[in-house]
Amino acid sequence: MDILNHTTKDVCKLKYFQYSYFSKDVPHKVTGVITDSNSQARWVLSGKNKRIKGFFILSYTLGLSL
């Protein structure tokens, strides 16, 4: 699910995991990423049941340098 902030053009992309009695996934799990207008990830969201936590991204790199 995509949620767009029309004022700042930020986009939140949420992913809902289906619950199944036979599933190995955590029940009622939600994950997501909030990106700014430049498509830079700013927040990571994660949660389940009635609680979602957000983590601000200070910096990141694409790929590993060895």
C-alpha atoms as a PDB file:
ATOM      1  CA  MET A   1       0.000   0.000   0.000  1.00  0.00           C
ATOM      2  CA  ASP A   2       1.379   3.435  -0.926  1.00  0.00           C
ATOM      3  CA  ILE A   3       0.458   6.542   1.065  1.00  0.00           C
ATOM      4  CA  LEU A   4       1.364   9.916  -0.476  1.00  0.00           C
ATOM      5  CA  ASN A   5       1.750  13.189   1.412  1.00  0.00           C
ATOM      6  CA  HIS A   6       0.604  15.704  -1.213  1.00  0.00           C
ATOM      7  CA  THR A   7       2.225  18.661   0.588  1.00  0.00           C
ATOM      8  CA  THR A   8       5.775  17.307   0.958  1.00  0.00           C
ATOM      9  CA  LYS A   9       5.593  14.527  -1.691  1.00  0.00           C
ATOM     10  CA  ASP A  10       6.827  11.977   0.869  1.00  0.00           C
ATOM     11  CA  VAL A  11       5.723   8.398   0.180  1.00  0.00           C
ATOM     12  CA  CYS A  12       5.100   5.634   2.707  1.00  0.00           C
ATOM     13  CA  LYS A  13       5.191   2.097   1.301  1.00  0.00           C
ATOM     14  CA  LEU A  14       3.588  -0.382   3.686  1.00  0.00           C
ATOM     15  CA  LYS A  15       3.530  -4.143   3.388  1.00  0.00           C
ATOM     16  CA  TYR A  16       0.979  -6.189   5.299  1.00  0.00           C
ATOM     17  CA  PHE A  17       1.659  -9.872   5.926  1.00  0.00           C
ATOM     18  CA  GLN A  18      -1.394 -12.096   5.852  1.00  0.00           C
ATOM     19  CA  TYR A  19      -2.164 -14.108   8.918  1.00  0.00           C
ATOM     20  CA  SER A  20      -2.638 -17.827   8.600  1.00  0.00           C
ATOM     21  CA  TYR A  21      -2.738 -20.445  11.286  1.00  0.00           C
ATOM     22  CA  PHE A  22      -0.252 -22.520   9.289  1.00  0.00           C
ATOM     23  CA  SER A  23       2.033 -19.622   8.322  1.00  0.00           C
ATOM     24  CA  LYS A  24       5.591 -19.338   9.641  1.00  0.00           C
ATOM     25  CA  ASP A  25       5.398 -15.514   9.582  1.00  0.00           C
ATOM     26  CA  VAL A  26       4.638 -13.390  12.627  1.00  0.00           C
ATOM     27  CA  PRO A  27       0.866 -12.789  12.810  1.00  0.00           C
ATOM     28  CA  HIS A  28      -0.406  -9.318  11.868  1.00  0.00           C
ATOM     29  CA  LYS A  29       3.048  -8.037  10.854  1.00  0.00           C
ATOM     30  CA  VAL A  30       3.489  -4.679   9.085  1.00  0.00           C
ATOM     31  CA  THR A  31       6.704  -3.275   7.590  1.00  0.00           C
ATOM     32  CA  GLY A  32       7.377  -0.160   5.571  1.00  0.00           C
ATOM     33  CA  VAL A  33       9.667   2.612   4.394  1.00  0.00           C
ATOM     34  CA  ILE A  34       9.048   6.358   4.222  1.00  0.00           C
ATOM     35  CA  THR A  35      10.894   8.113   1.400  1.00  0.00           C
ATOM     36  CA  ASP A  36      11.206  11.834   0.732  1.00  0.00           C
ATOM     37  CA  SER A  37      10.549  13.634  -2.559  1.00  0.00           C
ATOM     38  CA  ASN A  38      14.078  12.685  -3.759  1.00  0.00           C
ATOM     39  CA  SER A  39      13.349   8.956  -3.202  1.00  0.00           C
ATOM     40  CA  GLN A  40      15.792   8.840  -0.275  1.00  0.00           C
ATOM     41  CA  ALA A  41      14.666   6.486   2.523  1.00  0.00           C
ATOM     42  CA  ARG A  42      14.158   8.477   5.747  1.00  0.00           C
ATOM     43  CA  TRP A  43      12.219   6.160   8.076  1.00  0.00           C
ATOM     44  CA  VAL A  44      11.812   2.395   8.473  1.00  0.00           C
ATOM     45  CA  LEU A  45       8.596   1.099  10.030  1.00  0.00           C
ATOM     46  CA  SER A  46       8.059  -2.270  11.672  1.00  0.00           C
ATOM     47  CA  GLY A  47       5.410  -3.678  13.946  1.00  0.00           C
ATOM     48  CA  LYS A  48       2.767  -6.221  14.758  1.00  0.00           C
ATOM     49  CA  ASN A  49      -0.627  -6.375  16.429  1.00  0.00           C
ATOM     50  CA  LYS A  50      -1.324  -2.946  17.959  1.00  0.00           C
ATOM     51  CA  ARG A  51       2.180  -1.448  17.989  1.00  0.00           C
ATOM     52  CA  ILE A  52       4.328  -0.009  15.189  1.00  0.00           C
ATOM     53  CA  LYS A  53       7.819   1.415  15.696  1.00  0.00           C
ATOM     54  CA  GLY A  54       9.556   3.908  13.447  1.00  0.00           C
ATOM     55  CA  PHE A  55      13.313   4.221  13.077  1.00  0.00           C
ATOM     56  CA  PHE A  56      14.934   7.317  11.577  1.00  0.00           C
ATOM     57  CA  ILE A  57      17.713   6.565   9.073  1.00  0.00           C
ATOM     58  CA  LEU A  58      20.783   8.668   9.819  1.00  0.00           C
ATOM     59  CA  SER A  59      22.844   7.472   6.861  1.00  0.00           C
ATOM     60  CA  TYR A  60      23.173   4.457   4.644  1.00  0.00           C
ATOM     61  CA  THR A  61      25.262   3.104   1.825  1.00  0.00           C
ATOM     62  CA  LEU A  62      24.268   0.983  -1.121  1.00  0.00           C
ATOM     63  CA  GLY A  63      26.418  -2.118  -1.321  1.00  0.00           C
ATOM     64  CA  LEU A  64      29.350  -3.231   0.738  1.00  0.00           C
ATOM     65  CA  SER A  65      32.900  -1.958   0.521  1.00  0.00           C
ATOM     66  CA  LEU A  66      35.580  -4.481   1.374  1.00  0.00           C
END
